[in-house]
Amino acid sequence: MTETQKIRMNLLHDMHEYMLRLGNETLLGAWFLTGIPDCPDEEDFEFFATDDDEWVYICRLFGRLT
């Protein structure tokens, strides 16, 4: 994993934690259904961190939901 991908992994964890802390069920539903799955594991985060298109997708989704 590259340094950029490691940074992305950390950011994904932060984004996911932020979404959980919002506590908004509507936003969480959209996050889980179209973004990071409910109860993600490291492989889920790695998928988004290592694929450029998926990374852009999840960042845009996060931006729309927050």
N, C-alpha and C. Protein backbone atom coordinates (compact mmCIF):
# COMPACT_ATOMS: atom_id res chain seq x y z
N MET A 1 0.85 -1.17 0.00
CA MET A 1 0.00 0.00 0.00
C MET A 1 0.90 1.24 0.00
N THR A 2 0.56 2.20 -0.85
CA THR A 2 1.35 3.42 -0.95
C THR A 2 1.05 4.35 0.22
N GLU A 3 1.88 5.36 0.38
CA GLU A 3 1.67 6.35 1.44
C GLU A 3 0.34 7.07 1.22
N THR A 4 0.02 7.40 -0.02
CA THR A 4 -1.25 8.05 -0.33
C THR A 4 -2.42 7.17 0.07
N GLN A 5 -2.34 5.90 -0.21
CA GLN A 5 -3.42 4.98 0.15
C GLN A 5 -3.55 4.84 1.66
N LYS A 6 -2.44 4.89 2.38
CA LYS A 6 -2.50 4.85 3.84
C LYS A 6 -3.21 6.09 4.39
N ILE A 7 -2.90 7.24 3.80
CA ILE A 7 -3.58 8.48 4.21
C ILE A 7 -5.06 8.38 3.92
N ARG A 8 -5.40 7.85 2.76
CA ARG A 8 -6.81 7.65 2.41
C ARG A 8 -7.51 6.74 3.43
N MET A 9 -6.84 5.67 3.83
CA MET A 9 -7.42 4.76 4.82
C MET A 9 -7.74 5.50 6.12
N ASN A 10 -6.81 6.32 6.57
CA ASN A 10 -7.05 7.09 7.79
C ASN A 10 -8.22 8.06 7.61
N LEU A 11 -8.27 8.70 6.47
CA LEU A 11 -9.38 9.63 6.20
C LEU A 11 -10.71 8.90 6.13
N LEU A 12 -10.72 7.72 5.54
CA LEU A 12 -11.96 6.94 5.47
C LEU A 12 -12.45 6.56 6.86
N HIS A 13 -11.53 6.18 7.73
CA HIS A 13 -11.92 5.88 9.11
C HIS A 13 -12.52 7.12 9.77
N ASP A 14 -11.90 8.26 9.54
CA ASP A 14 -12.40 9.51 10.11
C ASP A 14 -13.78 9.87 9.54
N MET A 15 -13.94 9.73 8.24
CA MET A 15 -15.24 10.03 7.62
C MET A 15 -16.32 9.12 8.17
N HIS A 16 -16.00 7.84 8.28
CA HIS A 16 -16.97 6.88 8.79
C HIS A 16 -17.35 7.20 10.24
N GLU A 17 -16.37 7.50 11.05
CA GLU A 17 -16.63 7.86 12.44
C GLU A 17 -17.50 9.13 12.53
N TYR A 18 -17.22 10.09 11.68
CA TYR A 18 -18.01 11.32 11.65
C TYR A 18 -19.47 11.02 11.31
N MET A 19 -19.68 10.17 10.32
CA MET A 19 -21.04 9.82 9.93
C MET A 19 -21.77 9.12 11.07
N LEU A 20 -21.08 8.24 11.78
CA LEU A 20 -21.70 7.55 12.90
C LEU A 20 -22.06 8.53 14.01
N ARG A 21 -21.19 9.48 14.26
CA ARG A 21 -21.43 10.45 15.35
C ARG A 21 -22.55 11.43 15.03
N LEU A 22 -22.84 11.64 13.74
CA LEU A 22 -23.95 12.52 13.39
C LEU A 22 -25.26 11.97 13.95
N GLY A 23 -25.38 10.65 13.91
CA GLY A 23 -26.57 10.02 14.47
C GLY A 23 -27.83 10.24 13.65
N ASN A 24 -27.70 10.68 12.43
CA ASN A 24 -28.85 10.91 11.56
C ASN A 24 -29.12 9.64 10.77
N GLU A 25 -30.24 9.00 11.05
CA GLU A 25 -30.53 7.71 10.42
C GLU A 25 -30.67 7.81 8.90
N THR A 26 -31.20 8.89 8.41
CA THR A 26 -31.35 9.06 6.97
C THR A 26 -29.99 9.14 6.30
N LEU A 27 -29.11 9.94 6.86
CA LEU A 27 -27.76 10.07 6.30
C LEU A 27 -26.98 8.76 6.44
N LEU A 28 -27.11 8.12 7.58
CA LEU A 28 -26.42 6.84 7.78
C LEU A 28 -26.92 5.79 6.79
N GLY A 29 -28.21 5.78 6.54
CA GLY A 29 -28.76 4.84 5.57
C GLY A 29 -28.15 5.03 4.20
N ALA A 30 -28.04 6.28 3.78
CA ALA A 30 -27.42 6.57 2.48
C ALA A 30 -25.95 6.20 2.48
N TRP A 31 -25.26 6.47 3.57
CA TRP A 31 -23.84 6.14 3.70
C TRP A 31 -23.63 4.63 3.60
N PHE A 32 -24.49 3.86 4.30
CA PHE A 32 -24.35 2.41 4.31
C PHE A 32 -24.79 1.77 2.99
N LEU A 33 -25.83 2.31 2.38
CA LEU A 33 -26.36 1.70 1.16
C LEU A 33 -25.55 2.03 -0.09
N THR A 34 -24.98 3.23 -0.13
CA THR A 34 -24.29 3.64 -1.36
C THR A 34 -22.81 3.92 -1.15
N GLY A 35 -22.34 3.76 0.08
CA GLY A 35 -20.94 4.05 0.36
C GLY A 35 -20.31 2.93 1.18
N ILE A 36 -19.76 3.31 2.31
CA ILE A 36 -19.13 2.35 3.20
C ILE A 36 -20.22 1.44 3.78
N PRO A 37 -20.03 0.13 3.75
CA PRO A 37 -21.06 -0.76 4.29
C PRO A 37 -21.19 -0.65 5.80
N ASP A 38 -22.33 -1.07 6.31
CA ASP A 38 -22.55 -1.14 7.75
C ASP A 38 -21.55 -2.13 8.34
N CYS A 39 -20.95 -1.78 9.45
CA CYS A 39 -19.93 -2.62 10.12
C CYS A 39 -18.78 -2.98 9.19
N PRO A 40 -18.11 -1.97 8.63
CA PRO A 40 -17.03 -2.25 7.68
C PRO A 40 -15.82 -2.88 8.36
N ASP A 41 -15.09 -3.67 7.60
CA ASP A 41 -13.82 -4.19 8.09
C ASP A 41 -12.70 -3.49 7.30
N GLU A 42 -11.48 -3.84 7.61
CA GLU A 42 -10.35 -3.17 6.96
C GLU A 42 -10.34 -3.38 5.45
N GLU A 43 -10.82 -4.51 4.98
CA GLU A 43 -10.88 -4.76 3.54
C GLU A 43 -11.83 -3.78 2.85
N ASP A 44 -12.92 -3.44 3.51
CA ASP A 44 -13.84 -2.45 2.93
C ASP A 44 -13.16 -1.10 2.79
N PHE A 45 -12.47 -0.66 3.83
CA PHE A 45 -11.77 0.61 3.77
C PHE A 45 -10.65 0.56 2.72
N GLU A 46 -9.96 -0.55 2.67
CA GLU A 46 -8.88 -0.70 1.70
C GLU A 46 -9.39 -0.63 0.27
N PHE A 47 -10.57 -1.20 0.02
CA PHE A 47 -11.17 -1.15 -1.31
C PHE A 47 -11.31 0.29 -1.79
N PHE A 48 -11.87 1.15 -0.95
CA PHE A 48 -12.06 2.55 -1.32
C PHE A 48 -10.75 3.32 -1.36
N ALA A 49 -9.80 2.96 -0.51
CA ALA A 49 -8.53 3.68 -0.45
C ALA A 49 -7.62 3.37 -1.63
N THR A 50 -7.73 2.18 -2.19
CA THR A 50 -6.78 1.77 -3.23
C THR A 50 -7.31 1.93 -4.64
N ASP A 51 -8.59 2.20 -4.79
CA ASP A 51 -9.18 2.38 -6.11
C ASP A 51 -9.49 3.86 -6.31
N ASP A 52 -8.85 4.50 -7.26
CA ASP A 52 -9.01 5.95 -7.45
C ASP A 52 -10.45 6.36 -7.72
N ASP A 53 -11.14 5.61 -8.57
CA ASP A 53 -12.54 5.95 -8.88
C ASP A 53 -13.43 5.81 -7.65
N GLU A 54 -13.23 4.75 -6.90
CA GLU A 54 -14.03 4.55 -5.68
C GLU A 54 -13.71 5.61 -4.63
N TRP A 55 -12.45 6.01 -4.56
CA TRP A 55 -12.04 7.05 -3.63
C TRP A 55 -12.77 8.36 -3.94
N VAL A 56 -12.77 8.73 -5.21
CA VAL A 56 -13.46 9.97 -5.61
C VAL A 56 -14.96 9.84 -5.31
N TYR A 57 -15.53 8.68 -5.61
CA TYR A 57 -16.95 8.45 -5.36
C TYR A 57 -17.29 8.65 -3.87
N ILE A 58 -16.52 8.01 -2.99
CA ILE A 58 -16.84 8.07 -1.56
C ILE A 58 -16.62 9.48 -1.02
N CYS A 59 -15.64 10.19 -1.52
CA CYS A 59 -15.41 11.58 -1.09
C CYS A 59 -16.56 12.47 -1.53
N ARG A 60 -17.04 12.28 -2.73
CA ARG A 60 -18.18 13.08 -3.20
C ARG A 60 -19.43 12.75 -2.41
N LEU A 61 -19.64 11.48 -2.13
CA LEU A 61 -20.79 11.08 -1.32
C LEU A 61 -20.72 11.71 0.06
N PHE A 62 -19.57 11.64 0.68
CA PHE A 62 -19.40 12.24 2.00
C PHE A 62 -19.71 13.74 1.95
N GLY A 63 -19.23 14.40 0.92
CA GLY A 63 -19.48 15.83 0.77
C GLY A 63 -20.96 16.14 0.60
N ARG A 64 -21.68 15.31 -0.14
CA ARG A 64 -23.11 15.53 -0.32
C ARG A 64 -23.90 15.30 0.96
N LEU A 65 -23.46 14.33 1.74
CA LEU A 65 -24.21 13.96 2.94
C LEU A 65 -23.90 14.84 4.16
N THR A 66 -22.80 15.57 4.13
CA THR A 66 -22.44 16.35 5.31
C THR A 66 -22.67 17.82 5.11
